[in-house]
Amino acid sequence: MPHSTKWFDIPYMRSGIAPLRITANFATGVVCDEYLPLDGIIRYQVQRDRLGHRDFSLPGGEDPSNMEHQAMPIIRRRISAEWYFMCSFAQPAKWWAAEGVDHWVKRFDTNLADLVDFDNKRGVVVIEKGQYKAYHNPYSYRVAEKCHWFCMGDGDEIKRLLSTVTHVGKKQSYGWGRVSRWEVEQWHENCSEWIGGKPARAIPAYLVDNAHEFNQRHYGVRPPYYGFKQNTRCVVP
């Protein structure tokens, strides 16, 4: 790599591996961070294939260290003890055209308080705390017609896994993150890690010789990003 002397490429393990561009066409805004990592979405689909569909799951319910041994249709890059998938974050670095704030609300209808069963004891519904606490919490969303990711992977398998992904990001039950169409196409170069001399994803800063020239922040380097315990300082888009 032009920005480090510490890299080595994992060889292409099987036929069908190629540089890819993956596109999501959005029908609604997306509740997510600015990076929206695609390898996390694909990993979830791989897990769903392996374990079967589940109506819900708990964050942190699986040991992330087991993930390395699960088949992914994306090539891994390993540097000593560190590794990550060769898959960019959403591109370009600012992929959304607009952003805003909405709220999710939970409120107990006090007109129905007389229907609450207090085990035949006198009681009162408290909405300031506890089980019936009222919420009016904000969340940010981003609006874009589409966004792209780049990866080194098996296009046919990725297309199959994404065929059942109808939404991305948070608050999907509210209608956010609706994907109207996925596109998977071969690309003319590998843009999974660097694009135009700039990082296309989070790369541990200690592995990049000129890391001081790029934006840096603490971030995960592989999914599940919400439960990755080894967050480290990375160069980022």
Protein backbone atom coordinates (compact mmCIF):
# COMPACT_ATOMS: atom_id res chain seq x y z
CA MET A 1 0.00 0.00 0.00
CA PRO A 2 1.32 3.48 -0.78
CA HIS A 3 0.64 4.74 2.75
CA SER A 4 2.27 1.99 4.79
CA THR A 5 5.11 -0.49 4.74
CA LYS A 6 3.30 -2.86 7.12
CA TRP A 7 0.64 -4.28 4.77
CA PHE A 8 0.47 -7.55 2.96
CA ASP A 9 -2.36 -8.77 0.77
CA ILE A 10 -4.36 -11.87 1.57
CA PRO A 11 -4.41 -13.92 -1.64
CA TYR A 12 -7.70 -14.42 -3.45
CA MET A 13 -8.84 -17.71 -1.93
CA ARG A 14 -11.26 -18.87 -4.64
CA SER A 15 -12.60 -18.00 -8.05
CA GLY A 16 -15.31 -15.35 -8.14
CA ILE A 17 -13.41 -12.88 -5.93
CA ALA A 18 -13.15 -9.50 -7.62
CA PRO A 19 -13.24 -5.76 -6.87
CA LEU A 20 -16.90 -4.78 -6.49
CA ARG A 21 -19.06 -1.69 -6.18
CA ILE A 22 -22.27 -2.21 -4.21
CA THR A 23 -25.07 0.35 -4.36
CA ALA A 24 -28.14 0.79 -2.16
CA ASN A 25 -30.98 2.87 -3.61
CA PHE A 26 -32.97 4.39 -0.74
CA ALA A 27 -36.71 5.01 -0.53
CA THR A 28 -36.53 6.71 2.90
CA GLY A 29 -33.95 8.40 5.12
CA VAL A 30 -31.51 6.31 7.14
CA VAL A 31 -30.90 6.45 10.90
CA CYS A 32 -27.19 5.65 11.17
CA ASP A 33 -23.77 7.13 11.74
CA GLU A 34 -21.79 8.78 8.95
CA TYR A 35 -19.96 5.58 7.96
CA LEU A 36 -22.75 2.95 7.64
CA PRO A 37 -20.36 -0.05 7.35
CA LEU A 38 -21.60 -2.63 4.82
CA ASP A 39 -19.54 -5.52 6.20
CA GLY A 40 -21.70 -5.39 9.33
CA ILE A 41 -24.87 -5.72 7.25
CA ILE A 42 -23.44 -8.65 5.29
CA ARG A 43 -22.17 -10.31 8.47
CA TYR A 44 -25.70 -10.18 9.91
CA GLN A 45 -26.99 -11.92 6.77
CA VAL A 46 -24.30 -14.61 7.06
CA GLN A 47 -25.33 -15.18 10.69
CA ARG A 48 -28.96 -15.34 9.68
CA ASP A 49 -28.08 -17.99 7.09
CA ARG A 50 -26.16 -19.99 9.69
CA LEU A 51 -28.53 -19.68 12.66
CA GLY A 52 -31.86 -19.17 10.91
CA HIS A 53 -34.19 -16.19 11.13
CA ARG A 54 -34.77 -14.73 14.61
CA ASP A 55 -37.44 -12.23 15.51
CA PHE A 56 -35.01 -10.41 17.79
CA SER A 57 -31.48 -10.67 19.19
CA LEU A 58 -29.59 -9.02 22.03
CA PRO A 59 -26.57 -6.73 21.45
CA GLY A 60 -23.41 -8.45 22.63
CA GLY A 61 -25.11 -11.83 22.67
CA GLU A 62 -22.35 -13.39 20.60
CA ASP A 63 -18.60 -13.40 21.14
CA PRO A 64 -17.09 -11.29 18.29
CA SER A 65 -13.93 -13.41 18.43
CA ASN A 66 -15.86 -16.32 16.90
CA MET A 67 -16.62 -14.33 13.78
CA GLU A 68 -13.19 -14.85 12.21
CA HIS A 69 -13.97 -18.51 11.67
CA GLN A 70 -17.27 -17.92 9.90
CA ALA A 71 -17.37 -17.86 6.11
CA MET A 72 -17.80 -14.34 4.72
CA PRO A 73 -17.98 -13.50 1.01
CA ILE A 74 -15.48 -10.66 1.59
CA ILE A 75 -11.71 -11.07 1.73
CA ARG A 76 -10.01 -10.43 5.08
CA ARG A 77 -6.79 -8.47 5.44
CA ARG A 78 -4.59 -9.54 8.33
CA ILE A 79 -1.65 -7.61 9.76
CA SER A 80 -0.01 -9.53 12.59
CA ALA A 81 -2.77 -9.97 15.20
CA GLU A 82 -5.06 -7.35 13.61
CA TRP A 83 -7.52 -8.03 10.80
CA TYR A 84 -10.56 -6.57 9.10
CA PHE A 85 -12.68 -7.10 6.02
CA MET A 86 -11.68 -5.45 2.76
CA CYS A 87 -14.86 -3.41 2.53
CA SER A 88 -15.15 0.37 2.47
CA PHE A 89 -17.53 2.53 4.45
CA ALA A 90 -20.32 4.34 2.57
CA GLN A 91 -18.84 6.50 -0.18
CA PRO A 92 -18.13 9.26 -0.88
CA ALA A 93 -17.02 10.31 2.58
CA LYS A 94 -20.17 12.43 2.90
CA TRP A 95 -22.74 10.33 1.09
CA TRP A 96 -25.94 12.05 2.24
CA ALA A 97 -27.58 15.14 0.76
CA ALA A 98 -29.49 16.29 3.85
CA GLU A 99 -29.96 15.41 7.50
CA GLY A 100 -32.48 16.05 10.24
CA VAL A 101 -33.75 15.07 13.68
CA ASP A 102 -36.90 13.16 14.58
CA HIS A 103 -38.12 11.70 17.88
CA TRP A 104 -39.33 8.39 19.19
CA VAL A 105 -42.06 8.60 21.78
CA LYS A 106 -43.35 6.30 24.51
CA ARG A 107 -46.28 7.55 26.55
CA PHE A 108 -48.74 5.76 28.81
CA ASP A 109 -52.37 6.72 28.20
CA THR A 110 -53.38 7.90 31.67
CA ASN A 111 -57.05 7.57 30.70
CA LEU A 112 -56.52 3.80 30.93
CA ALA A 113 -54.84 3.82 34.33
CA ASP A 114 -57.81 2.12 35.96
CA LEU A 115 -57.14 -0.98 33.85
CA VAL A 116 -53.69 -1.59 35.37
CA ASP A 117 -53.57 -4.62 37.66
CA PHE A 118 -51.79 -3.77 40.92
CA ASP A 119 -52.36 -7.28 42.38
CA ASN A 120 -55.56 -6.17 44.11
CA LYS A 121 -53.70 -3.38 45.90
CA ARG A 122 -54.01 0.36 45.64
CA GLY A 123 -51.52 1.85 43.23
CA VAL A 124 -50.75 4.74 40.95
CA VAL A 125 -49.21 4.92 37.50
CA VAL A 126 -45.97 6.93 37.64
CA ILE A 127 -44.82 8.26 34.27
CA GLU A 128 -41.71 10.04 35.59
CA LYS A 129 -39.80 6.80 36.18
CA GLY A 130 -40.03 3.04 36.16
CA GLN A 131 -42.09 0.76 33.93
CA TYR A 132 -44.45 3.47 32.66
CA LYS A 133 -41.87 6.24 32.23
CA ALA A 134 -42.63 8.56 29.32
CA TYR A 135 -39.96 9.16 26.68
CA HIS A 136 -39.49 11.75 23.96
CA ASN A 137 -36.01 10.98 22.64
CA PRO A 138 -34.35 12.47 19.54
CA TYR A 139 -32.51 10.55 16.82
CA SER A 140 -30.69 11.80 13.75
CA TYR A 141 -31.34 10.63 10.21
CA ARG A 142 -29.64 11.15 6.86
CA VAL A 143 -31.31 11.46 3.47
CA ALA A 144 -29.73 10.24 0.23
CA GLU A 145 -30.94 8.89 -3.09
CA LYS A 146 -28.28 6.19 -2.94
CA CYS A 147 -24.83 5.36 -1.61
CA HIS A 148 -21.96 3.13 -2.70
CA TRP A 149 -19.53 0.75 -1.03
CA PHE A 150 -16.46 -0.95 -2.47
CA CYS A 151 -15.16 -4.36 -1.46
CA MET A 152 -13.09 -7.36 -2.53
CA GLY A 153 -15.53 -10.23 -2.54
CA ASP A 154 -17.74 -12.81 -4.19
CA GLY A 155 -20.32 -10.80 -6.12
CA ASP A 156 -22.81 -13.62 -6.61
CA GLU A 157 -22.86 -14.55 -2.93
CA ILE A 158 -23.10 -10.92 -1.80
CA LYS A 159 -25.99 -10.37 -4.21
CA ARG A 160 -27.76 -13.41 -2.77
CA LEU A 161 -27.27 -12.27 0.83
CA LEU A 162 -28.45 -8.71 0.12
CA SER A 163 -31.55 -9.87 -1.77
CA THR A 164 -33.49 -10.13 1.52
CA VAL A 165 -32.16 -6.90 3.06
CA THR A 166 -35.09 -4.49 2.83
CA HIS A 167 -33.87 -1.90 5.37
CA VAL A 168 -30.56 -0.69 6.83
CA GLY A 169 -29.73 1.37 9.92
CA LYS A 170 -31.83 1.87 13.06
CA LYS A 171 -35.57 2.40 13.59
CA GLN A 172 -36.48 0.10 10.72
CA SER A 173 -39.86 -0.69 12.29
CA TYR A 174 -40.63 3.04 11.98
CA GLY A 175 -39.99 2.84 8.21
CA TRP A 176 -36.48 4.31 8.20
CA GLY A 177 -33.71 2.90 6.00
CA ARG A 178 -35.92 1.39 3.30
CA VAL A 179 -33.85 0.05 0.38
CA SER A 180 -35.72 -0.05 -2.92
CA ARG A 181 -32.96 -1.79 -4.89
CA TRP A 182 -29.46 -3.26 -4.46
CA GLU A 183 -26.88 -3.27 -7.24
CA VAL A 184 -23.69 -5.36 -7.24
CA GLU A 185 -21.23 -4.83 -10.07
CA GLN A 186 -17.58 -5.54 -10.79
CA TRP A 187 -15.34 -2.49 -10.50
CA HIS A 188 -12.18 -1.59 -12.38
CA GLU A 189 -9.99 -1.24 -9.26
CA ASN A 190 -9.82 -2.18 -5.60
CA CYS A 191 -11.26 0.77 -3.63
CA SER A 192 -12.05 -1.18 -0.48
CA GLU A 193 -9.40 0.52 1.71
CA TRP A 194 -8.01 3.59 -0.06
CA ILE A 195 -9.60 5.91 -2.62
CA GLY A 196 -7.58 8.70 -4.18
CA GLY A 197 -4.91 8.40 -1.49
CA LYS A 198 -7.44 8.74 1.36
CA PRO A 199 -8.80 6.03 3.69
CA ALA A 200 -12.12 4.54 2.57
CA ARG A 201 -12.74 2.83 5.92
CA ALA A 202 -11.36 2.71 9.48
CA ILE A 203 -7.76 1.50 9.51
CA PRO A 204 -5.77 1.30 12.77
CA ALA A 205 -3.61 4.41 12.87
CA TYR A 206 -0.52 2.58 14.12
CA LEU A 207 -0.46 0.63 10.84
CA VAL A 208 -0.35 3.74 8.66
CA ASP A 209 3.02 5.47 8.42
CA ASN A 210 1.59 8.93 7.66
CA ALA A 211 -1.48 8.63 9.89
CA HIS A 212 -1.08 12.23 11.09
CA GLU A 213 -2.19 13.43 7.64
CA PHE A 214 -5.71 11.99 7.98
CA ASN A 215 -8.80 12.33 10.16
CA GLN A 216 -8.63 10.08 13.22
CA ARG A 217 -11.12 8.79 15.79
CA HIS A 218 -11.72 5.78 18.02
CA TYR A 219 -13.75 3.26 16.03
CA GLY A 220 -14.16 -0.46 15.48
CA VAL A 221 -12.31 -2.12 12.63
CA ARG A 222 -14.71 -5.02 12.04
CA PRO A 223 -18.30 -5.95 12.91
CA PRO A 224 -20.21 -6.07 15.13
CA TYR A 225 -19.31 -2.39 15.43
CA TYR A 226 -21.79 -1.75 18.26
CA GLY A 227 -20.18 -4.47 20.41
CA PHE A 228 -16.56 -4.40 19.25
CA LYS A 229 -14.56 -4.22 22.47
CA GLN A 230 -11.23 -3.45 20.84
CA ASN A 231 -12.11 0.00 19.50
CA THR A 232 -8.87 1.71 18.65
CA ARG A 233 -7.62 4.96 17.18
CA CYS A 234 -8.08 4.74 13.43
CA VAL A 235 -7.58 6.84 10.36
CA VAL A 236 -11.05 7.39 8.90
CA PRO A 237 -12.64 9.00 5.80
